[in-house]
Amino acid sequence: MAKYSKDWWAQWIKAAGIRAVKTAAQTAAATLGAGAFLIHEVNWLVVGSAAAGAAALSLIMSLVGLPEIKLEEE
């Protein structure tokens, strides 16, 4: 049976957080590029909500598992 140590959870939180931030940044960049030609025309509420939604989905998907985090076998 696999062990979930405190160190494992700390690694998971760090890895999932990094993935969520990267996903949010990518989504914000894509939303900006798709919707505006000038910076004053950007709908920042749309950009922020899309990025936040993508980050939340990234964290949910990370619950399934992260390949960079390995469980210790007993």
PDB file of N, CA and C in Angstrom:
ATOM      1  N   MET A   1       0.839  -1.179   0.000  1.00  0.00           N
ATOM      2  CA  MET A   1       0.000   0.000   0.000  1.00  0.00           C
ATOM      3  C   MET A   1       0.884   1.243   0.000  1.00  0.00           C
ATOM      4  N   ALA A   2       0.462   2.253  -0.695  1.00  0.00           N
ATOM      5  CA  ALA A   2       1.259   3.476  -0.820  1.00  0.00           C
ATOM      6  C   ALA A   2       1.110   4.361   0.414  1.00  0.00           C
ATOM      7  N   LYS A   3       2.186   5.095   0.699  1.00  0.00           N
ATOM      8  CA  LYS A   3       2.204   6.012   1.837  1.00  0.00           C
ATOM      9  C   LYS A   3       2.107   7.448   1.348  1.00  0.00           C
ATOM     10  N   TYR A   4       1.274   8.245   2.026  1.00  0.00           N
ATOM     11  CA  TYR A   4       1.190   9.675   1.765  1.00  0.00           C
ATOM     12  C   TYR A   4       1.821  10.391   2.956  1.00  0.00           C
ATOM     13  N   SER A   5       3.060  10.789   2.806  1.00  0.00           N
ATOM     14  CA  SER A   5       3.752  11.477   3.890  1.00  0.00           C
ATOM     15  C   SER A   5       3.493  12.976   3.795  1.00  0.00           C
ATOM     16  N   LYS A   6       3.869  13.703   4.863  1.00  0.00           N
ATOM     17  CA  LYS A   6       3.740  15.164   4.842  1.00  0.00           C
ATOM     18  C   LYS A   6       4.589  15.742   3.720  1.00  0.00           C
ATOM     19  N   ASP A   7       5.735  15.138   3.480  1.00  0.00           N
ATOM     20  CA  ASP A   7       6.606  15.598   2.408  1.00  0.00           C
ATOM     21  C   ASP A   7       5.939  15.408   1.051  1.00  0.00           C
ATOM     22  N   TRP A   8       5.229  14.297   0.877  1.00  0.00           N
ATOM     23  CA  TRP A   8       4.532  14.047  -0.382  1.00  0.00           C
ATOM     24  C   TRP A   8       3.483  15.123  -0.616  1.00  0.00           C
ATOM     25  N   TRP A   9       2.703  15.446   0.416  1.00  0.00           N
ATOM     26  CA  TRP A   9       1.666  16.476   0.268  1.00  0.00           C
ATOM     27  C   TRP A   9       2.279  17.835  -0.040  1.00  0.00           C
ATOM     28  N   ALA A  10       3.397  18.171   0.574  1.00  0.00           N
ATOM     29  CA  ALA A  10       4.071  19.441   0.293  1.00  0.00           C
ATOM     30  C   ALA A  10       4.536  19.471  -1.163  1.00  0.00           C
ATOM     31  N   GLN A  11       5.069  18.360  -1.651  1.00  0.00           N
ATOM     32  CA  GLN A  11       5.498  18.278  -3.055  1.00  0.00           C
ATOM     33  C   GLN A  11       4.297  18.418  -3.990  1.00  0.00           C
ATOM     34  N   TRP A  12       3.188  17.762  -3.635  1.00  0.00           N
ATOM     35  CA  TRP A  12       1.992  17.827  -4.469  1.00  0.00           C
ATOM     36  C   TRP A  12       1.450  19.246  -4.541  1.00  0.00           C
ATOM     37  N   ILE A  13       1.367  19.912  -3.408  1.00  0.00           N
ATOM     38  CA  ILE A  13       0.852  21.286  -3.383  1.00  0.00           C
ATOM     39  C   ILE A  13       1.727  22.201  -4.238  1.00  0.00           C
ATOM     40  N   LYS A  14       3.033  22.042  -4.126  1.00  0.00           N
ATOM     41  CA  LYS A  14       3.948  22.863  -4.916  1.00  0.00           C
ATOM     42  C   LYS A  14       3.789  22.571  -6.407  1.00  0.00           C
ATOM     43  N   ALA A  15       3.803  21.299  -6.791  1.00  0.00           N
ATOM     44  CA  ALA A  15       3.704  20.926  -8.204  1.00  0.00           C
ATOM     45  C   ALA A  15       2.347  21.324  -8.793  1.00  0.00           C
ATOM     46  N   ALA A  16       1.271  21.087  -8.058  1.00  0.00           N
ATOM     47  CA  ALA A  16      -0.062  21.444  -8.549  1.00  0.00           C
ATOM     48  C   ALA A  16      -0.211  22.960  -8.653  1.00  0.00           C
ATOM     49  N   GLY A  17       0.362  23.686  -7.700  1.00  0.00           N
ATOM     50  CA  GLY A  17       0.311  25.145  -7.743  1.00  0.00           C
ATOM     51  C   GLY A  17       1.062  25.707  -8.939  1.00  0.00           C
ATOM     52  N   ILE A  18       2.228  25.157  -9.206  1.00  0.00           N
ATOM     53  CA  ILE A  18       3.010  25.606 -10.369  1.00  0.00           C
ATOM     54  C   ILE A  18       2.238  25.335 -11.655  1.00  0.00           C
ATOM     55  N   ARG A  19       1.654  24.145 -11.763  1.00  0.00           N
ATOM     56  CA  ARG A  19       0.867  23.827 -12.958  1.00  0.00           C
ATOM     57  C   ARG A  19      -0.323  24.765 -13.103  1.00  0.00           C
ATOM     58  N   ALA A  20      -1.000  25.077 -12.002  1.00  0.00           N
ATOM     59  CA  ALA A  20      -2.168  25.954 -12.054  1.00  0.00           C
ATOM     60  C   ALA A  20      -1.781  27.370 -12.477  1.00  0.00           C
ATOM     61  N   VAL A  21      -0.674  27.879 -11.962  1.00  0.00           N
ATOM     62  CA  VAL A  21      -0.216  29.223 -12.333  1.00  0.00           C
ATOM     63  C   VAL A  21       0.167  29.259 -13.815  1.00  0.00           C
ATOM     64  N   LYS A  22       0.876  28.233 -14.283  1.00  0.00           N
ATOM     65  CA  LYS A  22       1.250  28.181 -15.703  1.00  0.00           C
ATOM     66  C   LYS A  22       0.015  28.113 -16.594  1.00  0.00           C
ATOM     67  N   THR A  23      -0.954  27.310 -16.190  1.00  0.00           N
ATOM     68  CA  THR A  23      -2.186  27.184 -16.968  1.00  0.00           C
ATOM     69  C   THR A  23      -2.940  28.511 -17.003  1.00  0.00           C
ATOM     70  N   ALA A  24      -3.009  29.198 -15.861  1.00  0.00           N
ATOM     71  CA  ALA A  24      -3.681  30.496 -15.811  1.00  0.00           C
ATOM     72  C   ALA A  24      -2.989  31.503 -16.718  1.00  0.00           C
ATOM     73  N   ALA A  25      -1.669  31.518 -16.706  1.00  0.00           N
ATOM     74  CA  ALA A  25      -0.918  32.451 -17.549  1.00  0.00           C
ATOM     75  C   ALA A  25      -1.142  32.147 -19.030  1.00  0.00           C
ATOM     76  N   GLN A  26      -1.134  30.877 -19.385  1.00  0.00           N
ATOM     77  CA  GLN A  26      -1.369  30.502 -20.780  1.00  0.00           C
ATOM     78  C   GLN A  26      -2.773  30.898 -21.226  1.00  0.00           C
ATOM     79  N   THR A  27      -3.751  30.682 -20.365  1.00  0.00           N
ATOM     80  CA  THR A  27      -5.128  31.028 -20.699  1.00  0.00           C
ATOM     81  C   THR A  27      -5.289  32.535 -20.831  1.00  0.00           C
ATOM     82  N   ALA A  28      -4.674  33.291 -19.928  1.00  0.00           N
ATOM     83  CA  ALA A  28      -4.747  34.755 -20.002  1.00  0.00           C
ATOM     84  C   ALA A  28      -4.111  35.247 -21.300  1.00  0.00           C
ATOM     85  N   ALA A  29      -2.972  34.696 -21.657  1.00  0.00           N
ATOM     86  CA  ALA A  29      -2.297  35.100 -22.893  1.00  0.00           C
ATOM     87  C   ALA A  29      -3.150  34.778 -24.111  1.00  0.00           C
ATOM     88  N   ALA A  30      -3.762  33.612 -24.118  1.00  0.00           N
ATOM     89  CA  ALA A  30      -4.610  33.231 -25.249  1.00  0.00           C
ATOM     90  C   ALA A  30      -5.851  34.114 -25.318  1.00  0.00           C
ATOM     91  N   THR A  31      -6.435  34.440 -24.183  1.00  0.00           N
ATOM     92  CA  THR A  31      -7.626  35.288 -24.151  1.00  0.00           C
ATOM     93  C   THR A  31      -7.283  36.702 -24.603  1.00  0.00           C
ATOM     94  N   LEU A  32      -6.144  37.201 -24.170  1.00  0.00           N
ATOM     95  CA  LEU A  32      -5.704  38.534 -24.595  1.00  0.00           C
ATOM     96  C   LEU A  32      -5.476  38.572 -26.096  1.00  0.00           C
ATOM     97  N   GLY A  33      -4.780  37.590 -26.599  1.00  0.00           N
ATOM     98  CA  GLY A  33      -4.462  37.557 -28.020  1.00  0.00           C
ATOM     99  C   GLY A  33      -5.677  37.386 -28.902  1.00  0.00           C
ATOM    100  N   ALA A  34      -6.666  36.672 -28.405  1.00  0.00           N
ATOM    101  CA  ALA A  34      -7.848  36.392 -29.208  1.00  0.00           C
ATOM    102  C   ALA A  34      -8.837  37.550 -29.222  1.00  0.00           C
ATOM    103  N   GLY A  35      -8.805  38.384 -28.174  1.00  0.00           N
ATOM    104  CA  GLY A  35      -9.891  39.345 -28.040  1.00  0.00           C
ATOM    105  C   GLY A  35      -9.565  40.804 -28.195  1.00  0.00           C
ATOM    106  N   ALA A  36      -8.309  41.183 -28.304  1.00  0.00           N
ATOM    107  CA  ALA A  36      -8.031  42.619 -28.300  1.00  0.00           C
ATOM    108  C   ALA A  36      -6.842  42.964 -29.181  1.00  0.00           C
ATOM    109  N   PHE A  37      -6.961  44.096 -29.826  1.00  0.00           N
ATOM    110  CA  PHE A  37      -5.856  44.625 -30.609  1.00  0.00           C
ATOM    111  C   PHE A  37      -5.139  45.732 -29.851  1.00  0.00           C
ATOM    112  N   LEU A  38      -5.858  46.406 -28.987  1.00  0.00           N
ATOM    113  CA  LEU A  38      -5.286  47.486 -28.181  1.00  0.00           C
ATOM    114  C   LEU A  38      -5.501  47.180 -26.705  1.00  0.00           C
ATOM    115  N   ILE A  39      -4.550  47.565 -25.873  1.00  0.00           N
ATOM    116  CA  ILE A  39      -4.606  47.225 -24.447  1.00  0.00           C
ATOM    117  C   ILE A  39      -5.828  47.830 -23.756  1.00  0.00           C
ATOM    118  N   HIS A  40      -6.282  49.001 -24.203  1.00  0.00           N
ATOM    119  CA  HIS A  40      -7.442  49.609 -23.543  1.00  0.00           C
ATOM    120  C   HIS A  40      -8.758  48.958 -23.956  1.00  0.00           C
ATOM    121  N   GLU A  41      -8.717  48.083 -24.953  1.00  0.00           N
ATOM    122  CA  GLU A  41      -9.916  47.369 -25.374  1.00  0.00           C
ATOM    123  C   GLU A  41     -10.064  46.005 -24.695  1.00  0.00           C
ATOM    124  N   VAL A  42      -9.118  45.642 -23.864  1.00  0.00           N
ATOM    125  CA  VAL A  42      -9.145  44.333 -23.215  1.00  0.00           C
ATOM    126  C   VAL A  42     -10.238  44.305 -22.149  1.00  0.00           C
ATOM    127  N   ASN A  43     -11.036  43.257 -22.175  1.00  0.00           N
ATOM    128  CA  ASN A  43     -12.034  43.045 -21.127  1.00  0.00           C
ATOM    129  C   ASN A  43     -11.346  42.218 -20.032  1.00  0.00           C
ATOM    130  N   TRP A  44     -10.808  42.917 -19.036  1.00  0.00           N
ATOM    131  CA  TRP A  44      -9.998  42.270 -18.005  1.00  0.00           C
ATOM    132  C   TRP A  44     -10.815  41.315 -17.143  1.00  0.00           C
ATOM    133  N   LEU A  45     -12.110  41.555 -17.026  1.00  0.00           N
ATOM    134  CA  LEU A  45     -12.956  40.629 -16.265  1.00  0.00           C
ATOM    135  C   LEU A  45     -13.014  39.268 -16.962  1.00  0.00           C
ATOM    136  N   VAL A  46     -13.127  39.284 -18.276  1.00  0.00           N
ATOM    137  CA  VAL A  46     -13.150  38.037 -19.041  1.00  0.00           C
ATOM    138  C   VAL A  46     -11.803  37.330 -18.937  1.00  0.00           C
ATOM    139  N   VAL A  47     -10.724  38.089 -19.083  1.00  0.00           N
ATOM    140  CA  VAL A  47      -9.384  37.498 -18.999  1.00  0.00           C
ATOM    141  C   VAL A  47      -9.168  36.874 -17.622  1.00  0.00           C
ATOM    142  N   GLY A  48      -9.501  37.618 -16.572  1.00  0.00           N
ATOM    143  CA  GLY A  48      -9.314  37.117 -15.209  1.00  0.00           C
ATOM    144  C   GLY A  48     -10.168  35.911 -14.893  1.00  0.00           C
ATOM    145  N   SER A  49     -11.433  35.947 -15.306  1.00  0.00           N
ATOM    146  CA  SER A  49     -12.312  34.815 -14.999  1.00  0.00           C
ATOM    147  C   SER A  49     -11.913  33.571 -15.789  1.00  0.00           C
ATOM    148  N   ALA A  50     -11.482  33.750 -17.036  1.00  0.00           N
ATOM    149  CA  ALA A  50     -11.021  32.600 -17.818  1.00  0.00           C
ATOM    150  C   ALA A  50      -9.764  32.006 -17.203  1.00  0.00           C
ATOM    151  N   ALA A  51      -8.836  32.851 -16.783  1.00  0.00           N
ATOM    152  CA  ALA A  51      -7.592  32.369 -16.170  1.00  0.00           C
ATOM    153  C   ALA A  51      -7.869  31.670 -14.840  1.00  0.00           C
ATOM    154  N   ALA A  52      -8.761  32.256 -14.034  1.00  0.00           N
ATOM    155  CA  ALA A  52      -9.096  31.644 -12.740  1.00  0.00           C
ATOM    156  C   ALA A  52      -9.792  30.295 -12.939  1.00  0.00           C
ATOM    157  N   GLY A  53     -10.680  30.223 -13.902  1.00  0.00           N
ATOM    158  CA  GLY A  53     -11.353  28.959 -14.196  1.00  0.00           C
ATOM    159  C   GLY A  53     -10.385  27.887 -14.660  1.00  0.00           C
ATOM    160  N   ALA A  54      -9.445  28.284 -15.502  1.00  0.00           N
ATOM    161  CA  ALA A  54      -8.445  27.328 -15.982  1.00  0.00           C
ATOM    162  C   ALA A  54      -7.556  26.849 -14.840  1.00  0.00           C
ATOM    163  N   ALA A  55      -7.188  27.757 -13.939  1.00  0.00           N
ATOM    164  CA  ALA A  55      -6.365  27.363 -12.786  1.00  0.00           C
ATOM    165  C   ALA A  55      -7.124  26.391 -11.889  1.00  0.00           C
ATOM    166  N   ALA A  56      -8.412  26.659 -11.665  1.00  0.00           N
ATOM    167  CA  ALA A  56      -9.220  25.761 -10.836  1.00  0.00           C
ATOM    168  C   ALA A  56      -9.332  24.380 -11.477  1.00  0.00           C
ATOM    169  N   LEU A  57      -9.562  24.345 -12.780  1.00  0.00           N
ATOM    170  CA  LEU A  57      -9.626  23.053 -13.472  1.00  0.00           C
ATOM    171  C   LEU A  57      -8.288  22.321 -13.425  1.00  0.00           C
ATOM    172  N   SER A  58      -7.202  23.058 -13.507  1.00  0.00           N
ATOM    173  CA  SER A  58      -5.882  22.442 -13.411  1.00  0.00           C
ATOM    174  C   SER A  58      -5.694  21.773 -12.053  1.00  0.00           C
ATOM    175  N   LEU A  59      -6.115  22.456 -10.987  1.00  0.00           N
ATOM    176  CA  LEU A  59      -5.996  21.859  -9.643  1.00  0.00           C
ATOM    177  C   LEU A  59      -6.869  20.613  -9.515  1.00  0.00           C
ATOM    178  N   ILE A  60      -8.067  20.665 -10.083  1.00  0.00           N
ATOM    179  CA  ILE A  60      -8.955  19.498 -10.032  1.00  0.00           C
ATOM    180  C   ILE A  60      -8.334  18.323 -10.787  1.00  0.00           C
ATOM    181  N   MET A  61      -7.776  18.605 -11.959  1.00  0.00           N
ATOM    182  CA  MET A  61      -7.129  17.542 -12.735  1.00  0.00           C
ATOM    183  C   MET A  61      -5.899  16.993 -12.017  1.00  0.00           C
ATOM    184  N   SER A  62      -5.237  17.823 -11.232  1.00  0.00           N
ATOM    185  CA  SER A  62      -4.062  17.364 -10.489  1.00  0.00           C
ATOM    186  C   SER A  62      -4.430  16.386  -9.382  1.00  0.00           C
ATOM    187  N   LEU A  63      -5.696  16.362  -8.970  1.00  0.00           N
ATOM    188  CA  LEU A  63      -6.135  15.405  -7.949  1.00  0.00           C
ATOM    189  C   LEU A  63      -6.000  13.967  -8.442  1.00  0.00           C
ATOM    190  N   VAL A  64      -6.087  13.778  -9.744  1.00  0.00           N
ATOM    191  CA  VAL A  64      -5.954  12.447 -10.330  1.00  0.00           C
ATOM    192  C   VAL A  64      -4.530  11.950 -10.166  1.00  0.00           C
ATOM    193  N   GLY A  65      -3.582  12.868 -10.212  1.00  0.00           N
ATOM    194  CA  GLY A  65      -2.187  12.504 -10.032  1.00  0.00           C
ATOM    195  C   GLY A  65      -1.276  13.390 -10.855  1.00  0.00           C
ATOM    196  N   LEU A  66      -0.076  13.507 -10.385  1.00  0.00           N
ATOM    197  CA  LEU A  66       0.947  14.277 -11.072  1.00  0.00           C
ATOM    198  C   LEU A  66       2.126  13.356 -11.344  1.00  0.00           C
ATOM    199  N   PRO A  67       2.569  13.274 -12.583  1.00  0.00           N
ATOM    200  CA  PRO A  67       3.653  12.342 -12.902  1.00  0.00           C
ATOM    201  C   PRO A  67       4.967  12.677 -12.200  1.00  0.00           C
ATOM    202  N   GLU A  68       5.162  13.928 -11.829  1.00  0.00           N
ATOM    203  CA  GLU A  68       6.427  14.293 -11.173  1.00  0.00           C
ATOM    204  C   GLU A  68       6.451  13.946  -9.677  1.00  0.00           C
ATOM    205  N   ILE A  69       5.330  13.515  -9.121  1.00  0.00           N
ATOM    206  CA  ILE A  69       5.242  13.155  -7.702  1.00  0.00           C
ATOM    207  C   ILE A  69       5.029  11.653  -7.609  1.00  0.00           C
ATOM    208  N   LYS A  70       5.931  10.960  -6.951  1.00  0.00           N
ATOM    209  CA  LYS A  70       5.846   9.502  -6.804  1.00  0.00           C
ATOM    210  C   LYS A  70       5.496   9.148  -5.366  1.00  0.00           C
ATOM    211  N   LEU A  71       4.670   8.116  -5.205  1.00  0.00           N
ATOM    212  CA  LEU A  71       4.342   7.601  -3.882  1.00  0.00           C
ATOM    213  C   LEU A  71       5.426   6.646  -3.408  1.00  0.00           C
ATOM    214  N   GLU A  72       5.630   6.644  -2.098  1.00  0.00           N
ATOM    215  CA  GLU A  72       6.574   5.696  -1.498  1.00  0.00           C
ATOM    216  C   GLU A  72       5.836   4.386  -1.266  1.00  0.00           C
ATOM    217  N   GLU A  73       6.399   3.318  -1.728  1.00  0.00           N
ATOM    218  CA  GLU A  73       5.795   1.995  -1.521  1.00  0.00           C
ATOM    219  C   GLU A  73       6.298   1.405  -0.202  1.00  0.00           C
ATOM    220  N   GLU A  74       5.394   0.739   0.500  1.00  0.00           N
ATOM    221  CA  GLU A  74       5.786   0.104   1.768  1.00  0.00           C
ATOM    222  C   GLU A  74       6.475  -1.200   1.512  1.00  0.00           C
TER     223      GLU A  74
END
